[in-house]
Amino acid sequence: MPATSALRRALAVMTALPLLTLAACGYGSEAKDDDTAKVASGAKKIDGLDSVRIGYFGNLTHGTALVGNKKGLFQKELGATRATYAVFNAGPSEIEALNSGSIDIGFIGPSPSINGYTKSGGKNLRIIGGSASGGVKLVVNPDKVKSLKDVRGKRIATPQLGNTQDVAFLNWAAEQGWKVDAQSGKGDVTVVRSDNKVTPDAFGAGSIDGAWVPEPTASKLVAQGGKVLLDEATLWPDEEFVITNIIVRRQFLEEHPKAVEAVLKASVEANKWINANPDEAKTAANEQLEADSGKALPAEVLDPAWKSIRFTDDPLAATLGAQAEHAVKAGLLEQPDLDGIYDLTLLNKVLKAAGGSAVDDAGLGAR
């Protein structure tokens, strides 16, 4: 279905927001190569490809990609085809990079996935796997906000207009009976769109009273004296909801399925290792964050943030559909046609080969 004017305005605003770091590709910063990513002797290229370009965010909710990069798992599965990386600060910029062919596969949140799929009329993108659930919290200044009802009238930050956390907060506010204009952020509560990198400074300066944000930003605010007022996981059945999934250019999927399968094998291996070795995985993810950004997370931020995230191969498709409904109710999206947004064929092939169970596309799979 076509997007409403509200959606078009939201997408225009989101794609206009600048990245804090620029790369040669023009969209994200290039992740530094690690010694573990060296091509094995005698390895062969997959599908004759020189490289597969993988995008992700410098967030712990993208731990699958961080660990997969740090431990050289993507490179291992891709053989002599070089795994290269780009680190993004915003979902719309990663979608733009996918659509332009600057990257091939990306780890990304549900709202940018929905917007990108809708904007292209379902032609350009496919979600091919899951990565993470949870890791999103409402953190407030306890001196100003004592209870959930006290959020009314306050200034609450979200990362970006129309992003996954922005939609979630707008939906939660509406469920409280509060009215907020989605575009301006003004209403019974004021929504302040603030990049995760600057939100802690805004919180410390008192220019915002709280924030609905992913990890590690949430734990950074707690380390500054903030209080977790609400964990978004508690709002979902079984406390599970998609926060990060894996998305691919449809053309790349159709032309290079072996390369896509290799990336999915590495992702499944990464999640398996993360869940079996949480402390080592936490350290590996933090080391990759430091390699990408030049700064590691301190233990008082890293430890609680990591505990709140669950890494899973299941894309939790039913919750993506629910998040689309939330965007519709917020006025950011006309009822979208998401049929075909998922293609889990290769993931289920990988899971079966590894002795695992198939995952479900909630009726939204490619036919």
Protein backbone atom coordinates (compact mmCIF):
# COMPACT_ATOMS: atom_id res chain seq x y z
CA MET A 1 0.00 0.00 0.00
CA PRO A 2 1.17 3.57 -0.58
CA ALA A 3 2.50 5.51 2.35
CA THR A 4 0.51 8.40 3.76
CA SER A 5 1.81 11.95 3.63
CA ALA A 6 2.66 11.55 7.30
CA LEU A 7 4.84 8.55 6.54
CA ARG A 8 6.48 10.39 3.66
CA ARG A 9 7.26 13.32 5.92
CA ALA A 10 8.64 10.99 8.58
CA LEU A 11 10.82 9.19 6.06
CA ALA A 12 12.05 12.50 4.67
CA VAL A 13 13.02 13.74 8.10
CA MET A 14 14.68 10.46 9.03
CA THR A 15 16.72 10.16 5.85
CA ALA A 16 17.80 13.80 6.16
CA LEU A 17 19.33 13.32 9.60
CA PRO A 18 23.14 13.23 9.35
CA LEU A 19 25.40 10.46 10.50
CA LEU A 20 27.96 11.37 13.13
CA THR A 21 30.65 9.49 11.22
CA LEU A 22 31.08 9.11 7.48
CA ALA A 23 32.65 6.31 5.51
CA ALA A 24 33.98 5.83 2.05
CA CYS A 25 30.61 4.40 1.07
CA GLY A 26 28.99 7.66 2.16
CA TYR A 27 26.61 6.17 4.71
CA GLY A 28 28.39 4.60 7.69
CA SER A 29 31.77 4.37 9.29
CA GLU A 30 34.00 1.54 8.19
CA ALA A 31 34.61 -1.05 10.91
CA LYS A 32 38.27 -1.86 11.44
CA ASP A 33 39.50 -5.23 10.24
CA ASP A 34 40.51 -7.65 13.00
CA ASP A 35 43.25 -10.27 12.82
CA THR A 36 40.61 -12.95 13.37
CA ALA A 37 39.05 -11.98 10.04
CA LYS A 38 41.99 -13.10 7.91
CA VAL A 39 41.07 -15.28 4.96
CA ALA A 40 41.98 -18.92 5.56
CA SER A 41 44.67 -20.38 3.32
CA GLY A 42 43.20 -22.25 0.36
CA ALA A 43 39.72 -20.76 0.84
CA LYS A 44 37.60 -20.15 -2.24
CA LYS A 45 35.34 -17.26 -3.16
CA ILE A 46 31.59 -17.76 -2.87
CA ASP A 47 29.67 -17.11 -6.08
CA GLY A 48 32.82 -15.44 -7.41
CA LEU A 49 32.24 -12.47 -5.12
CA ASP A 50 35.19 -10.37 -4.01
CA SER A 51 33.33 -9.18 -0.92
CA VAL A 52 30.08 -9.16 1.01
CA ARG A 53 29.35 -5.83 2.68
CA ILE A 54 27.64 -6.09 6.07
CA GLY A 55 26.10 -3.20 7.99
CA TYR A 56 25.28 -2.93 11.69
CA PHE A 57 24.97 -0.39 14.52
CA GLY A 58 27.37 0.30 17.37
CA ASN A 59 24.72 -0.88 19.84
CA LEU A 60 24.80 -3.93 22.10
CA THR A 61 21.45 -4.90 20.58
CA HIS A 62 23.54 -5.67 17.47
CA GLY A 63 25.70 -8.05 19.49
CA THR A 64 25.36 -10.84 16.92
CA ALA A 65 27.14 -8.69 14.33
CA LEU A 66 29.68 -7.37 16.83
CA VAL A 67 30.65 -10.85 17.96
CA GLY A 68 30.52 -12.29 14.45
CA ASN A 69 32.90 -9.58 13.30
CA LYS A 70 35.25 -9.81 16.29
CA LYS A 71 35.57 -13.60 16.16
CA GLY A 72 35.89 -13.70 12.36
CA LEU A 73 32.80 -15.90 11.99
CA PHE A 74 31.47 -14.12 8.90
CA GLN A 75 34.87 -14.32 7.24
CA LYS A 76 35.19 -17.99 8.13
CA GLU A 77 31.93 -18.87 6.38
CA LEU A 78 32.58 -16.60 3.39
CA GLY A 79 35.94 -18.23 2.60
CA ALA A 80 38.00 -16.09 0.20
CA THR A 81 35.14 -13.67 -0.28
CA ARG A 82 36.09 -10.78 1.97
CA ALA A 83 33.64 -9.75 4.72
CA THR A 84 33.64 -5.96 4.97
CA TYR A 85 31.70 -3.87 7.47
CA ALA A 86 30.02 -0.48 7.81
CA VAL A 87 28.79 0.87 11.15
CA PHE A 88 25.66 3.04 11.14
CA ASN A 89 24.04 5.40 13.62
CA ALA A 90 20.56 5.44 12.07
CA GLY A 91 18.25 2.88 10.49
CA PRO A 92 17.11 5.04 7.56
CA SER A 93 20.72 5.58 6.53
CA GLU A 94 21.34 1.84 6.54
CA ILE A 95 18.19 1.27 4.47
CA GLU A 96 19.43 3.89 2.01
CA ALA A 97 22.78 2.11 1.82
CA LEU A 98 21.04 -1.20 1.13
CA ASN A 99 18.81 0.31 -1.54
CA SER A 100 21.78 1.98 -3.24
CA GLY A 101 23.84 -1.21 -3.18
CA SER A 102 26.50 0.28 -0.88
CA ILE A 103 25.98 -2.68 1.47
CA ASP A 104 24.46 -6.09 0.83
CA ILE A 105 23.19 -7.30 4.20
CA GLY A 106 22.36 -5.40 7.36
CA PHE A 107 21.50 -5.89 11.02
CA ILE A 108 18.72 -3.40 11.70
CA GLY A 109 15.61 -2.69 13.78
CA PRO A 110 12.02 -3.49 12.83
CA SER A 111 10.71 0.02 12.12
CA PRO A 112 13.36 0.89 9.49
CA SER A 113 12.75 -2.55 7.97
CA ILE A 114 9.03 -1.87 7.72
CA ASN A 115 9.54 1.64 6.35
CA GLY A 116 12.14 0.49 3.82
CA TYR A 117 9.97 -2.37 2.63
CA THR A 118 6.87 -0.18 2.37
CA LYS A 119 8.66 2.66 0.64
CA SER A 120 9.94 0.32 -2.09
CA GLY A 121 6.55 -1.30 -2.56
CA GLY A 122 8.02 -4.58 -1.34
CA LYS A 123 10.51 -4.74 -4.21
CA ASN A 124 13.91 -4.06 -2.67
CA LEU A 125 14.31 -5.74 0.73
CA ARG A 126 13.72 -9.00 2.59
CA ILE A 127 14.10 -9.89 6.27
CA ILE A 128 16.03 -13.16 6.33
CA GLY A 129 16.70 -13.81 10.02
CA GLY A 130 16.52 -12.76 13.63
CA SER A 131 19.25 -11.43 15.88
CA ALA A 132 18.05 -9.98 19.19
CA SER A 133 15.08 -9.35 21.46
CA GLY A 134 14.68 -6.83 24.28
CA GLY A 135 17.24 -4.37 25.55
CA VAL A 136 14.96 -1.30 25.53
CA LYS A 137 14.01 0.69 28.64
CA LEU A 138 12.35 3.87 29.82
CA VAL A 139 14.90 5.53 32.10
CA VAL A 140 13.96 8.67 34.02
CA ASN A 141 15.31 11.24 36.44
CA PRO A 142 13.97 9.88 39.77
CA ASP A 143 13.83 13.37 41.25
CA LYS A 144 11.37 14.48 38.57
CA VAL A 145 9.51 11.25 37.75
CA LYS A 146 8.38 9.01 40.59
CA SER A 147 5.86 6.81 38.76
CA LEU A 148 4.58 6.02 35.29
CA LYS A 149 1.77 8.56 35.60
CA ASP A 150 4.40 11.24 36.31
CA VAL A 151 5.72 10.85 32.76
CA ARG A 152 2.83 13.03 31.61
CA GLY A 153 4.00 16.58 31.09
CA LYS A 154 7.67 15.59 30.96
CA ARG A 155 10.29 15.69 28.20
CA ILE A 156 11.19 12.16 27.07
CA ALA A 157 13.84 11.43 24.46
CA THR A 158 13.66 8.81 21.72
CA PRO A 159 16.45 8.19 19.19
CA GLN A 160 14.74 9.45 16.05
CA LEU A 161 11.38 10.31 14.52
CA GLY A 162 9.74 7.06 13.43
CA ASN A 163 12.49 4.77 14.68
CA THR A 164 11.66 1.59 16.59
CA GLN A 165 11.84 3.14 20.07
CA ASP A 166 10.02 6.29 18.96
CA VAL A 167 7.09 4.22 17.70
CA ALA A 168 7.10 2.12 20.88
CA PHE A 169 7.00 5.18 23.14
CA LEU A 170 4.27 6.88 21.11
CA ASN A 171 2.20 3.69 21.30
CA TRP A 172 2.74 3.37 25.05
CA ALA A 173 1.78 7.03 25.59
CA ALA A 174 -1.41 6.51 23.58
CA GLU A 175 -2.26 3.49 25.74
CA GLN A 176 -2.04 5.77 28.78
CA GLY A 177 -4.75 7.92 27.17
CA TRP A 178 -2.32 10.74 26.35
CA LYS A 179 -2.38 12.64 23.07
CA VAL A 180 0.89 13.42 21.30
CA ASP A 181 1.39 14.78 17.79
CA ALA A 182 3.75 12.23 16.24
CA GLN A 183 5.44 14.69 13.89
CA SER A 184 6.16 17.53 16.32
CA GLY A 185 6.40 15.40 19.45
CA LYS A 186 4.22 17.88 21.30
CA GLY A 187 1.29 16.95 23.50
CA ASP A 188 0.54 15.52 26.91
CA VAL A 189 4.16 14.42 26.95
CA THR A 190 6.91 16.05 24.88
CA VAL A 191 8.93 13.65 22.71
CA VAL A 192 12.47 14.90 22.09
CA ARG A 193 14.20 13.19 19.17
CA SER A 194 17.83 12.87 20.26
CA ASP A 195 20.69 10.78 18.87
CA ASN A 196 21.72 8.06 21.31
CA LYS A 197 25.24 9.50 21.36
CA VAL A 198 24.08 12.83 22.79
CA THR A 199 21.14 11.68 24.95
CA PRO A 200 23.31 11.03 28.05
CA ASP A 201 24.62 14.62 27.88
CA ALA A 202 21.08 15.96 27.50
CA PHE A 203 19.99 13.85 30.46
CA GLY A 204 22.89 15.06 32.58
CA ALA A 205 22.16 18.68 31.67
CA GLY A 206 18.51 18.28 32.66
CA SER A 207 17.17 19.22 29.22
CA ILE A 208 15.25 15.92 29.14
CA ASP A 209 13.53 14.14 32.02
CA GLY A 210 14.01 10.64 30.67
CA ALA A 211 14.44 8.53 27.56
CA TRP A 212 12.98 5.43 25.89
CA VAL A 213 16.18 3.98 24.46
CA PRO A 214 18.06 0.77 23.57
CA GLU A 215 21.16 -0.57 25.25
CA PRO A 216 23.76 0.56 26.06
CA THR A 217 22.23 4.06 26.18
CA ALA A 218 19.72 3.00 28.83
CA SER A 219 22.44 1.73 31.16
CA LYS A 220 24.52 4.85 30.51
CA LEU A 221 21.62 6.91 31.87
CA VAL A 222 21.32 4.63 34.90
CA ALA A 223 25.04 5.10 35.55
CA GLN A 224 24.34 8.85 35.64
CA GLY A 225 21.71 8.43 38.35
CA GLY A 226 18.72 7.53 36.21
CA LYS A 227 16.13 4.94 37.20
CA VAL A 228 14.60 2.24 35.01
CA LEU A 229 10.90 3.01 35.18
CA LEU A 230 9.83 0.47 32.58
CA ASP A 231 11.44 -2.38 30.65
CA GLU A 232 9.70 -2.61 27.28
CA ALA A 233 9.93 -6.41 27.40
CA THR A 234 7.26 -6.44 30.11
CA LEU A 235 4.76 -5.05 27.59
CA TRP A 236 5.07 -8.03 25.24
CA PRO A 237 3.78 -11.63 25.43
CA ASP A 238 6.50 -13.88 26.86
CA GLU A 239 8.58 -10.67 27.21
CA GLU A 240 9.88 -11.13 23.66
CA PHE A 241 9.91 -8.62 20.83
CA VAL A 242 12.20 -8.09 17.87
CA ILE A 243 14.76 -5.34 18.37
CA THR A 244 17.24 -6.43 15.69
CA ASN A 245 16.75 -8.55 12.58
CA ILE A 246 18.80 -9.31 9.47
CA ILE A 247 17.78 -7.74 6.19
CA VAL A 248 19.15 -8.13 2.66
CA ARG A 249 18.80 -6.55 -0.75
CA ARG A 250 16.35 -8.69 -2.68
CA GLN A 251 18.54 -8.62 -5.80
CA PHE A 252 21.56 -9.79 -3.80
CA LEU A 253 19.49 -12.58 -2.24
CA GLU A 254 18.31 -13.77 -5.64
CA GLU A 255 21.73 -13.54 -7.31
CA HIS A 256 23.94 -14.76 -4.45
CA PRO A 257 22.01 -17.16 -2.21
CA LYS A 258 25.19 -19.05 -1.23
CA ALA A 259 26.74 -15.86 0.13
CA VAL A 260 23.56 -15.03 2.05
CA GLU A 261 23.47 -18.56 3.45
CA ALA A 262 27.10 -18.18 4.58
CA VAL A 263 26.26 -14.99 6.49
CA LEU A 264 23.29 -16.71 8.11
CA LYS A 265 25.47 -19.67 9.12
CA ALA A 266 27.84 -17.22 10.81
CA SER A 267 24.95 -15.44 12.52
CA VAL A 268 23.54 -18.70 13.89
CA GLU A 269 27.01 -19.72 15.05
CA ALA A 270 27.50 -16.33 16.71
CA ASN A 271 24.19 -16.54 18.59
CA LYS A 272 24.95 -20.08 19.69
CA TRP A 273 28.34 -19.02 21.04
CA ILE A 274 26.91 -15.90 22.71
CA ASN A 275 24.27 -17.90 24.56
CA ALA A 276 26.75 -20.58 25.62
CA ASN A 277 29.45 -18.11 26.68
CA PRO A 278 27.70 -14.92 27.84
CA ASP A 279 30.64 -13.42 29.71
CA GLU A 280 33.14 -14.06 26.93
CA ALA A 281 30.62 -12.84 24.37
CA LYS A 282 30.04 -9.65 26.33
CA THR A 283 33.77 -8.99 26.32
CA ALA A 284 34.06 -9.73 22.59
CA ALA A 285 31.19 -7.38 21.76
CA ASN A 286 32.74 -4.63 23.86
CA GLU A 287 36.12 -5.11 22.19
CA GLN A 288 34.50 -4.73 18.78
CA LEU A 289 32.66 -1.61 19.96
CA GLU A 290 36.02 -0.19 21.00
CA ALA A 291 37.56 -1.13 17.65
CA ASP A 292 34.69 0.54 15.79
CA SER A 293 34.30 3.67 17.92
CA GLY A 294 37.56 4.01 19.81
CA LYS A 295 35.84 3.65 23.17
CA ALA A 296 34.85 0.60 25.20
CA LEU A 297 31.93 0.55 27.63
CA PRO A 298 32.70 0.59 31.36
CA ALA A 299 31.55 -2.42 33.40
CA GLU A 300 28.77 -0.47 35.16
CA VAL A 301 27.18 0.11 31.75
CA LEU A 302 28.16 -3.08 29.92
CA ASP A 303 27.07 -5.63 32.53
CA PRO A 304 23.42 -4.60 33.08
CA ALA A 305 22.94 -3.76 29.41
CA TRP A 306 24.10 -7.19 28.21
CA LYS A 307 21.86 -9.01 30.69
CA SER A 308 18.72 -7.37 29.28
CA ILE A 309 19.24 -8.57 25.70
CA ARG A 310 18.34 -12.04 24.41
CA PHE A 311 20.05 -13.21 21.24
CA THR A 312 17.91 -15.37 18.98
CA ASP A 313 17.79 -16.63 15.40
CA ASP A 314 14.00 -16.29 15.46
CA PRO A 315 12.95 -12.97 13.88
CA LEU A 316 9.82 -12.97 16.10
CA ALA A 317 7.75 -12.06 13.05
CA ALA A 318 4.47 -11.67 14.92
CA THR A 319 5.95 -8.84 16.98
CA LEU A 320 7.10 -7.02 13.84
CA GLY A 321 3.51 -7.07 12.64
CA ALA A 322 2.43 -5.62 16.00
CA GLN A 323 5.04 -2.88 15.74
CA ALA A 324 3.70 -1.96 12.31
CA GLU A 325 0.25 -1.61 13.88
CA HIS A 326 1.75 0.68 16.52
CA ALA A 327 3.15 2.92 13.78
CA VAL A 328 -0.26 3.01 12.13
CA LYS A 329 -1.95 4.04 15.39
CA ALA A 330 0.69 6.72 15.94
CA GLY A 331 -0.13 8.25 12.57
CA LEU A 332 3.26 7.52 11.03
CA LEU A 333 2.11 4.79 8.68
CA GLU A 334 -0.95 3.83 6.68
CA GLN A 335 -1.90 0.18 7.13
CA PRO A 336 0.99 -1.50 5.29
CA ASP A 337 0.95 -4.60 3.15
CA LEU A 338 3.80 -6.63 4.69
CA ASP A 339 3.12 -9.83 2.74
CA GLY A 340 6.48 -11.04 1.49
CA ILE A 341 8.66 -9.02 3.85
CA TYR A 342 10.19 -12.27 5.16
CA ASP A 343 12.13 -14.95 3.31
CA LEU A 344 13.27 -17.43 5.94
CA THR A 345 14.02 -20.27 3.52
CA LEU A 346 17.80 -20.10 3.89
CA LEU A 347 17.66 -19.54 7.65
CA ASN A 348 15.51 -22.60 8.16
CA LYS A 349 17.86 -24.59 5.95
CA VAL A 350 20.78 -23.50 8.15
CA LEU A 351 18.86 -24.23 11.36
CA LYS A 352 17.85 -27.69 10.15
CA ALA A 353 21.46 -28.52 9.24
CA ALA A 354 22.51 -27.43 12.73
CA GLY A 355 19.86 -29.65 14.34
CA GLY A 356 17.57 -26.78 15.26
CA SER A 357 13.88 -26.07 14.71
CA ALA A 358 12.41 -23.97 11.91
CA VAL A 359 11.19 -20.46 12.70
CA ASP A 360 7.90 -18.94 11.60
CA ASP A 361 7.20 -15.91 9.40
CA ALA A 362 3.74 -15.26 10.93
CA GLY A 363 2.16 -15.49 7.49
CA LEU A 364 4.31 -12.66 6.11
CA GLY A 365 6.70 -14.77 4.07
CA ALA A 366 7.56 -14.51 0.38
CA ARG A 367 5.35 -16.72 -1.73
